[in-house]
N, C-alpha and C. Protein backbone atom coordinates (compact mmCIF):
# COMPACT_ATOMS: atom_id res chain seq x y z
N UNK A 1 -3.59 2.91 -20.55
CA UNK A 1 -2.48 2.07 -20.13
C UNK A 1 -1.42 2.02 -21.23
N UNK A 2 -0.16 2.15 -20.85
CA UNK A 2 0.95 2.06 -21.78
C UNK A 2 1.84 0.90 -21.36
N UNK A 3 2.14 -0.01 -22.30
CA UNK A 3 2.95 -1.19 -21.99
C UNK A 3 4.36 -1.04 -22.56
N UNK A 4 5.36 -1.27 -21.71
CA UNK A 4 6.75 -1.12 -22.10
C UNK A 4 7.55 -2.35 -21.70
N UNK A 5 8.56 -2.69 -22.49
CA UNK A 5 9.50 -3.75 -22.08
C UNK A 5 10.35 -3.23 -20.93
N UNK A 6 10.67 -4.11 -20.00
CA UNK A 6 11.55 -3.76 -18.88
C UNK A 6 12.55 -4.89 -18.73
N UNK A 7 13.66 -4.79 -19.43
CA UNK A 7 14.63 -5.87 -19.44
C UNK A 7 14.14 -7.05 -20.25
N UNK A 8 14.73 -8.21 -20.00
CA UNK A 8 14.39 -9.39 -20.79
C UNK A 8 13.38 -10.30 -20.11
N UNK A 9 12.87 -9.88 -18.93
CA UNK A 9 11.94 -10.76 -18.21
C UNK A 9 10.83 -9.99 -17.50
N UNK A 10 10.46 -8.84 -18.06
CA UNK A 10 9.39 -8.07 -17.42
C UNK A 10 8.75 -7.11 -18.42
N UNK A 11 7.50 -6.78 -18.13
CA UNK A 11 6.75 -5.77 -18.88
C UNK A 11 6.23 -4.76 -17.87
N UNK A 12 6.35 -3.48 -18.20
CA UNK A 12 5.91 -2.43 -17.30
C UNK A 12 4.66 -1.77 -17.87
N UNK A 13 3.58 -1.77 -17.07
CA UNK A 13 2.34 -1.10 -17.46
C UNK A 13 2.26 0.24 -16.74
N UNK A 14 2.06 1.32 -17.50
CA UNK A 14 1.96 2.65 -16.92
C UNK A 14 0.50 3.12 -16.94
N UNK A 15 0.08 3.80 -15.87
CA UNK A 15 -1.30 4.26 -15.73
C UNK A 15 -1.34 5.73 -15.32
N UNK A 16 -2.54 6.31 -15.42
CA UNK A 16 -2.73 7.71 -15.03
C UNK A 16 -3.04 7.88 -13.56
N UNK A 17 -3.46 6.79 -12.89
CA UNK A 17 -3.87 6.92 -11.49
C UNK A 17 -3.61 5.63 -10.73
N UNK A 18 -3.51 5.76 -9.41
CA UNK A 18 -3.35 4.59 -8.55
C UNK A 18 -4.58 3.70 -8.63
N UNK A 19 -5.75 4.29 -8.76
CA UNK A 19 -6.99 3.52 -8.87
C UNK A 19 -6.92 2.55 -10.04
N UNK A 20 -6.39 3.01 -11.18
CA UNK A 20 -6.26 2.15 -12.36
C UNK A 20 -5.23 1.04 -12.13
N UNK A 21 -4.14 1.37 -11.45
CA UNK A 21 -3.13 0.37 -11.13
C UNK A 21 -3.75 -0.77 -10.33
N UNK A 22 -4.49 -0.41 -9.27
CA UNK A 22 -5.06 -1.42 -8.39
C UNK A 22 -6.12 -2.26 -9.10
N UNK A 23 -6.92 -1.63 -9.95
CA UNK A 23 -7.95 -2.38 -10.68
C UNK A 23 -7.30 -3.40 -11.62
N UNK A 24 -6.22 -2.99 -12.30
CA UNK A 24 -5.51 -3.90 -13.18
C UNK A 24 -4.83 -5.01 -12.38
N UNK A 25 -4.20 -4.64 -11.26
CA UNK A 25 -3.54 -5.63 -10.41
C UNK A 25 -4.52 -6.71 -9.96
N UNK A 26 -5.72 -6.28 -9.50
CA UNK A 26 -6.71 -7.26 -9.04
C UNK A 26 -7.13 -8.19 -10.17
N UNK A 27 -7.31 -7.64 -11.38
CA UNK A 27 -7.69 -8.48 -12.51
C UNK A 27 -6.62 -9.49 -12.87
N UNK A 28 -5.37 -9.05 -12.93
CA UNK A 28 -4.27 -9.94 -13.28
C UNK A 28 -4.00 -10.96 -12.18
N UNK A 29 -4.08 -10.52 -10.92
CA UNK A 29 -3.78 -11.41 -9.79
C UNK A 29 -4.80 -12.53 -9.67
N UNK A 30 -6.01 -12.29 -10.17
CA UNK A 30 -7.07 -13.30 -10.05
C UNK A 30 -6.87 -14.47 -11.01
N UNK A 31 -6.09 -14.27 -12.06
CA UNK A 31 -5.94 -15.34 -13.06
C UNK A 31 -4.55 -15.29 -13.69
N UNK A 32 -3.54 -15.62 -12.90
CA UNK A 32 -2.18 -15.60 -13.43
C UNK A 32 -1.91 -16.85 -14.26
N UNK A 33 -1.51 -16.70 -15.52
CA UNK A 33 -1.14 -17.89 -16.31
C UNK A 33 0.23 -18.42 -15.90
N UNK A 34 0.53 -19.61 -16.33
CA UNK A 34 1.82 -20.22 -16.04
C UNK A 34 2.91 -19.34 -16.65
N UNK A 35 3.96 -19.11 -15.91
CA UNK A 35 5.06 -18.31 -16.42
C UNK A 35 5.14 -16.92 -15.85
N UNK A 36 4.08 -16.47 -15.17
CA UNK A 36 4.10 -15.16 -14.52
C UNK A 36 4.74 -15.32 -13.15
N UNK A 37 5.86 -14.64 -12.93
CA UNK A 37 6.64 -14.80 -11.70
C UNK A 37 6.14 -13.90 -10.59
N UNK A 38 5.82 -12.65 -10.94
CA UNK A 38 5.42 -11.69 -9.89
C UNK A 38 4.70 -10.50 -10.50
N UNK A 39 3.85 -9.88 -9.70
CA UNK A 39 3.19 -8.63 -10.05
C UNK A 39 3.59 -7.61 -9.00
N UNK A 40 4.18 -6.49 -9.43
CA UNK A 40 4.70 -5.50 -8.48
C UNK A 40 4.05 -4.15 -8.75
N UNK A 41 2.98 -3.81 -8.01
CA UNK A 41 2.33 -2.51 -8.22
C UNK A 41 3.11 -1.38 -7.57
N UNK A 42 2.95 -0.17 -8.11
CA UNK A 42 3.52 1.04 -7.54
C UNK A 42 2.48 2.15 -7.71
N UNK A 43 2.87 3.40 -7.48
CA UNK A 43 1.90 4.49 -7.48
C UNK A 43 1.23 4.68 -8.84
N UNK A 44 1.97 4.52 -9.93
CA UNK A 44 1.41 4.71 -11.28
C UNK A 44 1.82 3.62 -12.25
N UNK A 45 2.46 2.57 -11.76
CA UNK A 45 2.93 1.50 -12.64
C UNK A 45 2.65 0.13 -12.05
N UNK A 46 2.70 -0.87 -12.92
CA UNK A 46 2.58 -2.27 -12.49
C UNK A 46 3.61 -3.07 -13.28
N UNK A 47 4.59 -3.62 -12.57
CA UNK A 47 5.63 -4.42 -13.20
C UNK A 47 5.18 -5.88 -13.22
N UNK A 48 5.18 -6.47 -14.40
CA UNK A 48 4.80 -7.88 -14.57
C UNK A 48 6.07 -8.66 -14.91
N UNK A 49 6.56 -9.45 -13.95
CA UNK A 49 7.75 -10.25 -14.16
C UNK A 49 7.34 -11.64 -14.67
N UNK A 50 8.07 -12.12 -15.67
CA UNK A 50 7.75 -13.43 -16.24
C UNK A 50 9.00 -14.26 -16.43
N UNK A 51 8.80 -15.55 -16.59
CA UNK A 51 9.90 -16.49 -16.83
C UNK A 51 10.07 -16.62 -18.35
N UNK A 52 11.18 -16.10 -18.91
CA UNK A 52 11.36 -16.15 -20.37
C UNK A 52 11.55 -17.57 -20.91
N UNK A 53 11.75 -18.55 -20.02
CA UNK A 53 11.83 -19.94 -20.46
C UNK A 53 10.45 -20.54 -20.65
N UNK A 54 9.41 -19.82 -20.16
CA UNK A 54 8.05 -20.35 -20.23
C UNK A 54 7.17 -19.54 -21.18
N UNK A 55 7.34 -18.22 -21.18
CA UNK A 55 6.49 -17.37 -22.00
C UNK A 55 7.32 -16.24 -22.59
N UNK A 56 6.68 -15.39 -23.36
CA UNK A 56 7.38 -14.30 -24.04
C UNK A 56 6.78 -12.95 -23.64
N UNK A 57 7.53 -11.90 -23.91
CA UNK A 57 7.04 -10.55 -23.61
C UNK A 57 5.78 -10.24 -24.41
N UNK A 58 5.72 -10.67 -25.65
CA UNK A 58 4.53 -10.41 -26.47
C UNK A 58 3.30 -11.09 -25.89
N UNK A 59 3.48 -12.34 -25.42
CA UNK A 59 2.35 -13.05 -24.82
C UNK A 59 1.90 -12.36 -23.54
N UNK A 60 2.85 -11.88 -22.76
CA UNK A 60 2.52 -11.17 -21.52
C UNK A 60 1.78 -9.88 -21.84
N UNK A 61 2.25 -9.14 -22.85
CA UNK A 61 1.57 -7.91 -23.27
C UNK A 61 0.12 -8.20 -23.63
N UNK A 62 -0.11 -9.26 -24.42
CA UNK A 62 -1.47 -9.60 -24.83
C UNK A 62 -2.32 -9.95 -23.62
N UNK A 63 -1.75 -10.68 -22.66
CA UNK A 63 -2.49 -11.06 -21.45
C UNK A 63 -2.87 -9.83 -20.64
N UNK A 64 -1.92 -8.94 -20.43
CA UNK A 64 -2.20 -7.73 -19.65
C UNK A 64 -3.25 -6.88 -20.37
N UNK A 65 -3.10 -6.73 -21.68
CA UNK A 65 -3.99 -5.86 -22.46
C UNK A 65 -5.41 -6.41 -22.52
N UNK A 66 -5.56 -7.73 -22.44
CA UNK A 66 -6.89 -8.33 -22.59
C UNK A 66 -7.59 -8.64 -21.28
N UNK A 67 -6.89 -8.48 -20.16
CA UNK A 67 -7.49 -8.79 -18.85
C UNK A 67 -8.31 -7.62 -18.36
N UNK A 68 -9.55 -7.88 -17.99
CA UNK A 68 -10.45 -6.82 -17.53
C UNK A 68 -10.06 -6.38 -16.12
N UNK A 69 -10.08 -5.06 -15.87
CA UNK A 69 -9.81 -4.57 -14.51
C UNK A 69 -10.92 -5.00 -13.56
N UNK A 70 -10.57 -5.16 -12.29
CA UNK A 70 -11.54 -5.60 -11.29
C UNK A 70 -11.70 -4.50 -10.24
N UNK A 71 -12.94 -4.04 -10.01
CA UNK A 71 -13.15 -2.99 -9.00
C UNK A 71 -12.93 -3.53 -7.59
N UNK A 72 -12.72 -2.63 -6.63
CA UNK A 72 -12.50 -3.09 -5.24
C UNK A 72 -13.74 -3.77 -4.68
N UNK A 73 -13.52 -4.71 -3.79
CA UNK A 73 -14.60 -5.43 -3.12
C UNK A 73 -14.38 -5.33 -1.62
N UNK A 74 -15.05 -4.36 -0.95
CA UNK A 74 -14.83 -4.17 0.48
C UNK A 74 -15.15 -5.40 1.32
N UNK A 75 -15.92 -6.32 0.77
CA UNK A 75 -16.31 -7.50 1.54
C UNK A 75 -15.38 -8.68 1.38
N UNK A 76 -14.31 -8.50 0.61
CA UNK A 76 -13.42 -9.64 0.39
C UNK A 76 -12.76 -10.09 1.69
N UNK A 77 -12.39 -11.36 1.74
CA UNK A 77 -11.90 -11.95 2.99
C UNK A 77 -10.42 -11.67 3.24
N UNK A 78 -9.83 -10.78 2.46
CA UNK A 78 -8.41 -10.47 2.66
C UNK A 78 -8.23 -9.23 3.53
N UNK A 79 -9.26 -8.85 4.28
CA UNK A 79 -9.15 -7.68 5.13
C UNK A 79 -8.42 -8.00 6.42
N UNK A 80 -7.61 -7.06 6.87
CA UNK A 80 -6.85 -7.20 8.11
C UNK A 80 -7.22 -6.07 9.04
N UNK A 81 -7.51 -6.38 10.29
CA UNK A 81 -7.79 -5.37 11.30
C UNK A 81 -6.50 -5.10 12.06
N UNK A 82 -6.10 -3.83 12.13
CA UNK A 82 -4.88 -3.42 12.82
C UNK A 82 -5.26 -2.53 14.00
N UNK A 83 -4.96 -2.99 15.21
CA UNK A 83 -5.24 -2.20 16.40
C UNK A 83 -4.20 -1.10 16.57
N UNK A 84 -4.66 0.12 16.84
CA UNK A 84 -3.75 1.27 16.97
C UNK A 84 -4.03 2.01 18.27
N UNK A 85 -2.97 2.33 18.98
CA UNK A 85 -3.07 3.25 20.11
C UNK A 85 -2.76 4.65 19.55
N UNK A 86 -3.74 5.51 19.57
CA UNK A 86 -3.56 6.84 18.97
C UNK A 86 -2.87 7.77 19.96
N UNK A 87 -1.53 7.64 19.95
CA UNK A 87 -0.68 8.37 20.89
C UNK A 87 0.52 8.99 20.18
N UNK A 88 0.42 9.18 18.86
CA UNK A 88 1.55 9.66 18.09
C UNK A 88 1.92 11.10 18.39
N UNK A 89 3.21 11.44 18.28
CA UNK A 89 3.68 12.79 18.60
C UNK A 89 3.16 13.87 17.66
N UNK A 90 2.65 13.48 16.49
CA UNK A 90 2.14 14.48 15.53
C UNK A 90 0.62 14.53 15.49
N UNK A 91 -0.05 13.79 16.37
CA UNK A 91 -1.51 13.69 16.30
C UNK A 91 -2.18 15.06 16.46
N UNK A 92 -1.72 15.83 17.42
CA UNK A 92 -2.33 17.15 17.64
C UNK A 92 -2.11 18.04 16.42
N UNK A 93 -0.90 18.00 15.87
CA UNK A 93 -0.60 18.83 14.70
C UNK A 93 -1.44 18.41 13.49
N UNK A 94 -1.62 17.10 13.31
CA UNK A 94 -2.45 16.61 12.21
C UNK A 94 -3.89 17.08 12.41
N UNK A 95 -4.36 17.07 13.67
CA UNK A 95 -5.69 17.57 13.94
C UNK A 95 -5.84 19.02 13.55
N UNK A 96 -4.78 19.80 13.76
CA UNK A 96 -4.81 21.22 13.39
C UNK A 96 -4.71 21.41 11.88
N UNK A 97 -3.82 20.63 11.24
CA UNK A 97 -3.65 20.73 9.79
C UNK A 97 -4.93 20.40 9.03
N UNK A 98 -5.64 19.40 9.52
CA UNK A 98 -6.85 18.94 8.84
C UNK A 98 -8.10 19.68 9.28
N UNK A 99 -8.02 20.34 10.44
CA UNK A 99 -9.20 20.99 10.99
C UNK A 99 -10.14 20.02 11.67
N UNK A 100 -9.71 18.77 11.84
CA UNK A 100 -10.58 17.74 12.41
C UNK A 100 -10.45 17.64 13.93
N UNK A 101 -9.34 18.13 14.47
CA UNK A 101 -9.06 17.91 15.88
C UNK A 101 -8.61 16.48 16.09
N UNK A 102 -8.12 16.18 17.28
CA UNK A 102 -7.60 14.84 17.58
C UNK A 102 -8.68 13.77 17.40
N UNK A 103 -9.84 13.99 18.00
CA UNK A 103 -10.91 12.98 17.91
C UNK A 103 -11.36 12.77 16.47
N UNK A 104 -11.39 13.86 15.69
CA UNK A 104 -11.81 13.74 14.30
C UNK A 104 -10.83 12.96 13.46
N UNK A 105 -9.53 13.14 13.74
CA UNK A 105 -8.52 12.37 13.01
C UNK A 105 -8.66 10.89 13.30
N UNK A 106 -8.83 10.56 14.58
CA UNK A 106 -8.99 9.15 14.97
C UNK A 106 -10.23 8.56 14.32
N UNK A 107 -11.31 9.31 14.33
CA UNK A 107 -12.57 8.81 13.74
C UNK A 107 -12.41 8.59 12.25
N UNK A 108 -11.77 9.53 11.55
CA UNK A 108 -11.60 9.40 10.10
C UNK A 108 -10.66 8.24 9.77
N UNK A 109 -9.60 8.06 10.57
CA UNK A 109 -8.63 7.01 10.30
C UNK A 109 -9.21 5.63 10.54
N UNK A 110 -10.10 5.51 11.51
CA UNK A 110 -10.66 4.20 11.85
C UNK A 110 -11.95 3.87 11.11
N UNK A 111 -12.60 4.85 10.53
CA UNK A 111 -13.90 4.59 9.90
C UNK A 111 -13.78 4.15 8.45
N UNK A 112 -12.65 4.42 7.82
CA UNK A 112 -12.50 4.05 6.42
C UNK A 112 -11.85 2.70 6.22
N UNK A 113 -11.98 2.18 5.00
CA UNK A 113 -11.30 0.96 4.59
C UNK A 113 -10.10 1.37 3.75
N UNK A 114 -8.93 0.93 4.16
CA UNK A 114 -7.69 1.27 3.47
C UNK A 114 -7.25 0.10 2.58
N UNK A 115 -6.71 0.41 1.41
CA UNK A 115 -6.24 -0.62 0.49
C UNK A 115 -4.72 -0.64 0.45
N UNK A 116 -4.15 -1.83 0.57
CA UNK A 116 -2.70 -1.96 0.43
C UNK A 116 -2.38 -1.76 -1.05
N UNK A 117 -1.84 -0.59 -1.37
CA UNK A 117 -1.60 -0.25 -2.78
C UNK A 117 -0.31 -0.88 -3.29
N UNK A 118 0.76 -0.73 -2.52
CA UNK A 118 2.06 -1.28 -2.92
C UNK A 118 3.00 -1.23 -1.73
N UNK A 119 4.11 -1.93 -1.85
CA UNK A 119 5.10 -1.94 -0.80
C UNK A 119 6.31 -1.12 -1.21
N UNK A 120 7.15 -0.78 -0.23
CA UNK A 120 8.36 -0.03 -0.55
C UNK A 120 8.99 0.55 0.69
N UNK A 121 10.07 1.29 0.50
CA UNK A 121 10.78 1.99 1.56
C UNK A 121 11.58 1.04 2.45
N UNK A 122 10.93 0.00 2.98
CA UNK A 122 11.58 -0.98 3.83
C UNK A 122 10.78 -2.28 3.74
N UNK A 123 11.42 -3.44 3.97
CA UNK A 123 10.68 -4.71 3.94
C UNK A 123 9.49 -4.66 4.89
N UNK A 124 8.30 -4.94 4.34
CA UNK A 124 7.09 -4.96 5.15
C UNK A 124 6.34 -3.65 5.20
N UNK A 125 6.93 -2.56 4.67
CA UNK A 125 6.22 -1.28 4.68
C UNK A 125 5.21 -1.27 3.55
N UNK A 126 3.94 -0.99 3.89
CA UNK A 126 2.87 -0.97 2.89
C UNK A 126 2.29 0.44 2.79
N UNK A 127 2.15 0.92 1.57
CA UNK A 127 1.47 2.20 1.32
C UNK A 127 -0.02 1.92 1.25
N UNK A 128 -0.76 2.48 2.20
CA UNK A 128 -2.19 2.22 2.30
C UNK A 128 -2.97 3.42 1.77
N UNK A 129 -3.80 3.17 0.77
CA UNK A 129 -4.58 4.24 0.15
C UNK A 129 -5.99 4.26 0.74
N UNK A 130 -6.41 5.45 1.15
CA UNK A 130 -7.76 5.62 1.70
C UNK A 130 -8.58 6.53 0.82
N UNK A 131 -9.84 6.67 1.17
CA UNK A 131 -10.74 7.48 0.34
C UNK A 131 -11.11 8.82 0.99
N UNK A 132 -10.64 9.06 2.22
CA UNK A 132 -11.00 10.29 2.94
C UNK A 132 -9.93 11.36 2.70
N UNK A 133 -10.23 12.29 1.83
CA UNK A 133 -9.25 13.32 1.47
C UNK A 133 -8.95 14.26 2.64
N UNK A 134 -9.76 14.26 3.67
CA UNK A 134 -9.49 15.12 4.82
C UNK A 134 -8.19 14.72 5.53
N UNK A 135 -7.75 13.48 5.34
CA UNK A 135 -6.53 13.00 6.00
C UNK A 135 -5.28 13.21 5.17
N UNK A 136 -5.39 13.86 4.02
CA UNK A 136 -4.22 14.13 3.20
C UNK A 136 -3.42 15.25 3.83
N UNK A 137 -2.25 14.91 4.33
CA UNK A 137 -1.37 15.90 4.98
C UNK A 137 0.03 15.77 4.41
N UNK A 138 0.80 16.86 4.43
CA UNK A 138 2.17 16.79 3.90
C UNK A 138 3.09 16.04 4.85
N UNK A 139 4.21 15.58 4.32
CA UNK A 139 5.26 15.03 5.18
C UNK A 139 5.79 16.12 6.09
N UNK A 140 6.45 15.71 7.13
CA UNK A 140 7.08 16.67 8.03
C UNK A 140 8.16 17.47 7.29
N UNK A 141 8.26 18.75 7.63
CA UNK A 141 9.28 19.58 7.01
C UNK A 141 10.68 19.12 7.37
N UNK A 142 10.83 18.52 8.56
CA UNK A 142 12.12 18.01 9.01
C UNK A 142 11.95 16.56 9.44
N UNK A 143 12.42 15.59 8.64
CA UNK A 143 12.24 14.17 8.98
C UNK A 143 12.95 13.81 10.29
N UNK A 144 12.43 12.80 10.96
CA UNK A 144 13.07 12.28 12.17
C UNK A 144 14.20 11.34 11.78
N UNK A 145 15.26 11.33 12.58
CA UNK A 145 16.37 10.41 12.32
C UNK A 145 16.02 8.99 12.75
N UNK A 146 15.03 8.84 13.66
CA UNK A 146 14.64 7.50 14.11
C UNK A 146 13.15 7.48 14.45
N UNK A 147 12.43 6.61 13.76
CA UNK A 147 11.01 6.38 14.03
C UNK A 147 10.90 4.94 14.54
N UNK A 148 10.21 4.71 15.65
CA UNK A 148 10.15 3.35 16.20
C UNK A 148 9.31 2.40 15.36
N UNK A 149 9.63 1.12 15.46
CA UNK A 149 8.81 0.09 14.80
C UNK A 149 7.39 0.16 15.33
N UNK A 150 6.43 0.00 14.44
CA UNK A 150 5.02 0.04 14.83
C UNK A 150 4.39 1.41 14.78
N UNK A 151 5.17 2.45 14.47
CA UNK A 151 4.61 3.80 14.37
C UNK A 151 3.66 3.87 13.17
N UNK A 152 2.49 4.46 13.37
CA UNK A 152 1.48 4.61 12.33
C UNK A 152 1.48 6.06 11.87
N UNK A 153 1.61 6.27 10.57
CA UNK A 153 1.73 7.63 10.07
C UNK A 153 0.86 7.95 8.88
N UNK A 154 0.86 9.24 8.54
CA UNK A 154 0.15 9.76 7.37
C UNK A 154 1.13 10.60 6.57
N UNK A 155 1.02 10.53 5.23
CA UNK A 155 1.82 11.37 4.34
C UNK A 155 1.13 11.41 2.99
N UNK A 156 0.78 12.62 2.54
CA UNK A 156 0.08 12.73 1.27
C UNK A 156 -1.25 12.00 1.35
N UNK A 157 -1.51 11.14 0.38
CA UNK A 157 -2.77 10.39 0.35
C UNK A 157 -2.68 9.04 1.06
N UNK A 158 -1.53 8.74 1.67
CA UNK A 158 -1.31 7.41 2.23
C UNK A 158 -1.22 7.38 3.75
N UNK A 159 -1.51 6.20 4.29
CA UNK A 159 -1.19 5.88 5.68
C UNK A 159 -0.24 4.69 5.62
N UNK A 160 0.52 4.49 6.69
CA UNK A 160 1.45 3.38 6.70
C UNK A 160 1.94 3.09 8.10
N UNK A 161 2.54 1.91 8.26
CA UNK A 161 3.08 1.48 9.55
C UNK A 161 4.56 1.15 9.36
N UNK A 162 5.40 1.77 10.16
CA UNK A 162 6.84 1.50 10.07
C UNK A 162 7.12 0.09 10.60
N UNK A 163 7.71 -0.80 9.77
CA UNK A 163 7.94 -2.18 10.21
C UNK A 163 9.14 -2.33 11.14
N UNK A 164 10.04 -1.36 11.14
CA UNK A 164 11.21 -1.42 12.01
C UNK A 164 11.70 0.00 12.28
N UNK A 165 12.57 0.13 13.26
CA UNK A 165 13.13 1.45 13.58
C UNK A 165 13.92 1.96 12.38
N UNK A 166 13.61 3.19 11.95
CA UNK A 166 14.29 3.75 10.78
C UNK A 166 14.03 5.25 10.72
N UNK A 167 14.79 5.98 9.90
CA UNK A 167 14.47 7.38 9.68
C UNK A 167 13.11 7.50 8.98
N UNK A 168 12.47 8.65 9.11
CA UNK A 168 11.19 8.81 8.43
C UNK A 168 10.62 10.20 8.58
N UNK A 169 9.83 10.61 7.59
CA UNK A 169 9.27 11.94 7.60
C UNK A 169 7.75 12.00 7.61
N UNK A 170 7.10 10.87 7.92
CA UNK A 170 5.64 10.86 7.95
C UNK A 170 5.14 11.48 9.25
N UNK A 171 3.89 11.95 9.21
CA UNK A 171 3.25 12.50 10.40
C UNK A 171 2.77 11.32 11.26
N UNK A 172 3.30 11.17 12.46
CA UNK A 172 3.01 10.01 13.30
C UNK A 172 1.80 10.26 14.18
N UNK A 173 0.79 9.41 14.02
CA UNK A 173 -0.46 9.60 14.77
C UNK A 173 -0.73 8.49 15.78
N UNK A 174 0.02 7.40 15.73
CA UNK A 174 -0.25 6.31 16.66
C UNK A 174 0.80 5.22 16.59
N UNK A 175 0.53 4.12 17.33
CA UNK A 175 1.43 2.97 17.33
C UNK A 175 0.62 1.68 17.34
N UNK A 176 1.22 0.62 16.82
CA UNK A 176 0.59 -0.69 16.83
C UNK A 176 1.62 -1.74 17.26
N UNK A 177 1.12 -2.84 17.81
CA UNK A 177 2.01 -3.95 18.20
C UNK A 177 2.09 -5.01 17.11
N UNK A 178 1.39 -4.82 15.99
CA UNK A 178 1.45 -5.79 14.90
C UNK A 178 2.88 -5.89 14.36
N UNK A 179 3.29 -7.10 14.00
CA UNK A 179 4.62 -7.31 13.41
C UNK A 179 4.43 -7.32 11.89
N UNK A 180 4.93 -6.27 11.25
CA UNK A 180 4.70 -6.10 9.82
C UNK A 180 5.58 -6.98 8.95
N UNK A 181 6.78 -7.29 9.44
CA UNK A 181 7.72 -8.09 8.63
C UNK A 181 8.37 -9.13 9.53
N UNK A 182 8.21 -10.39 9.13
CA UNK A 182 8.76 -11.50 9.91
C UNK A 182 9.34 -12.51 8.92
N UNK A 183 10.66 -12.55 8.75
CA UNK A 183 11.27 -13.37 7.70
C UNK A 183 10.89 -14.84 7.75
N UNK A 184 10.63 -15.39 8.95
CA UNK A 184 10.30 -16.82 9.02
C UNK A 184 8.81 -17.09 8.89
N UNK A 185 8.02 -16.04 8.57
CA UNK A 185 6.59 -16.21 8.34
C UNK A 185 6.36 -16.37 6.84
N UNK A 186 5.29 -17.09 6.46
CA UNK A 186 4.97 -17.28 5.05
C UNK A 186 3.57 -16.72 4.75
N UNK A 187 3.50 -15.64 3.95
CA UNK A 187 4.61 -14.82 3.47
C UNK A 187 5.13 -13.90 4.58
N UNK A 188 6.34 -13.36 4.43
CA UNK A 188 6.93 -12.54 5.50
C UNK A 188 6.18 -11.25 5.79
N UNK A 189 5.59 -10.65 4.76
CA UNK A 189 4.89 -9.37 4.93
C UNK A 189 3.47 -9.61 5.41
N UNK A 190 3.07 -8.91 6.47
CA UNK A 190 1.71 -9.02 6.98
C UNK A 190 0.70 -8.39 6.02
N UNK A 191 1.07 -7.25 5.44
CA UNK A 191 0.19 -6.52 4.53
C UNK A 191 0.74 -6.60 3.12
N UNK A 192 -0.08 -7.11 2.19
CA UNK A 192 0.37 -7.32 0.82
C UNK A 192 -0.58 -6.64 -0.16
N UNK A 193 -0.07 -6.22 -1.33
CA UNK A 193 -0.90 -5.51 -2.30
C UNK A 193 -2.21 -6.24 -2.58
N UNK A 194 -3.30 -5.46 -2.62
CA UNK A 194 -4.62 -6.02 -2.86
C UNK A 194 -5.42 -6.27 -1.61
N UNK A 195 -4.75 -6.40 -0.46
CA UNK A 195 -5.46 -6.59 0.80
C UNK A 195 -6.11 -5.27 1.21
N UNK A 196 -7.09 -5.36 2.11
CA UNK A 196 -7.67 -4.15 2.69
C UNK A 196 -7.41 -4.16 4.19
N UNK A 197 -7.37 -2.97 4.76
CA UNK A 197 -7.03 -2.80 6.17
C UNK A 197 -8.05 -1.89 6.83
N UNK A 198 -8.46 -2.28 8.02
CA UNK A 198 -9.29 -1.41 8.85
C UNK A 198 -8.56 -1.17 10.17
N UNK A 199 -8.36 0.10 10.51
CA UNK A 199 -7.70 0.44 11.77
C UNK A 199 -8.74 0.50 12.88
N UNK A 200 -8.33 0.02 14.05
CA UNK A 200 -9.23 -0.02 15.21
C UNK A 200 -8.52 0.59 16.41
N UNK A 201 -9.15 1.56 17.05
CA UNK A 201 -8.53 2.21 18.20
C UNK A 201 -8.51 1.26 19.40
N UNK A 202 -7.37 1.18 20.07
CA UNK A 202 -7.24 0.31 21.25
C UNK A 202 -6.73 1.13 22.42
């Protein structure tokens, strides 16, 4: 882990892998001291935002450096079940790319536990990391100009659900009726870093 200053109110921790990011995030999230404003994980970094009126960058560095990483706990109560209709326009192609066929893709996508690694791209969009490397597929060579809200896709090592209609280049394998982003909900995002997700065919 490498710790860097990021402006006057944040420290950036850099890691070699997403697994290390998530382990550190779980450890820090379990015991936030007063003055920590937010923890923002990404693919290889974790941004720790703090209130400079309450604590200092040096104190935050010491806290991050001394906090033990926490391994994943599949039994934790933060799991969310997301129902999916596997009717995506790229499902057949993904079956061919992976060699699993349509039924195999559905089975692999629904049998694993996915971890909400980080958010990005659009409000409510969560990058979900899984453990089944058979589902690792490239983005589409030609992105779509419009992907409907609720579309479930695969790209690289991640799965994700589009929270609203937008352009996108992920391989679309299904759809869900879950509302991923609702501004008047607390919190607005349905899926948040550290949660786990299980997809269920409907």
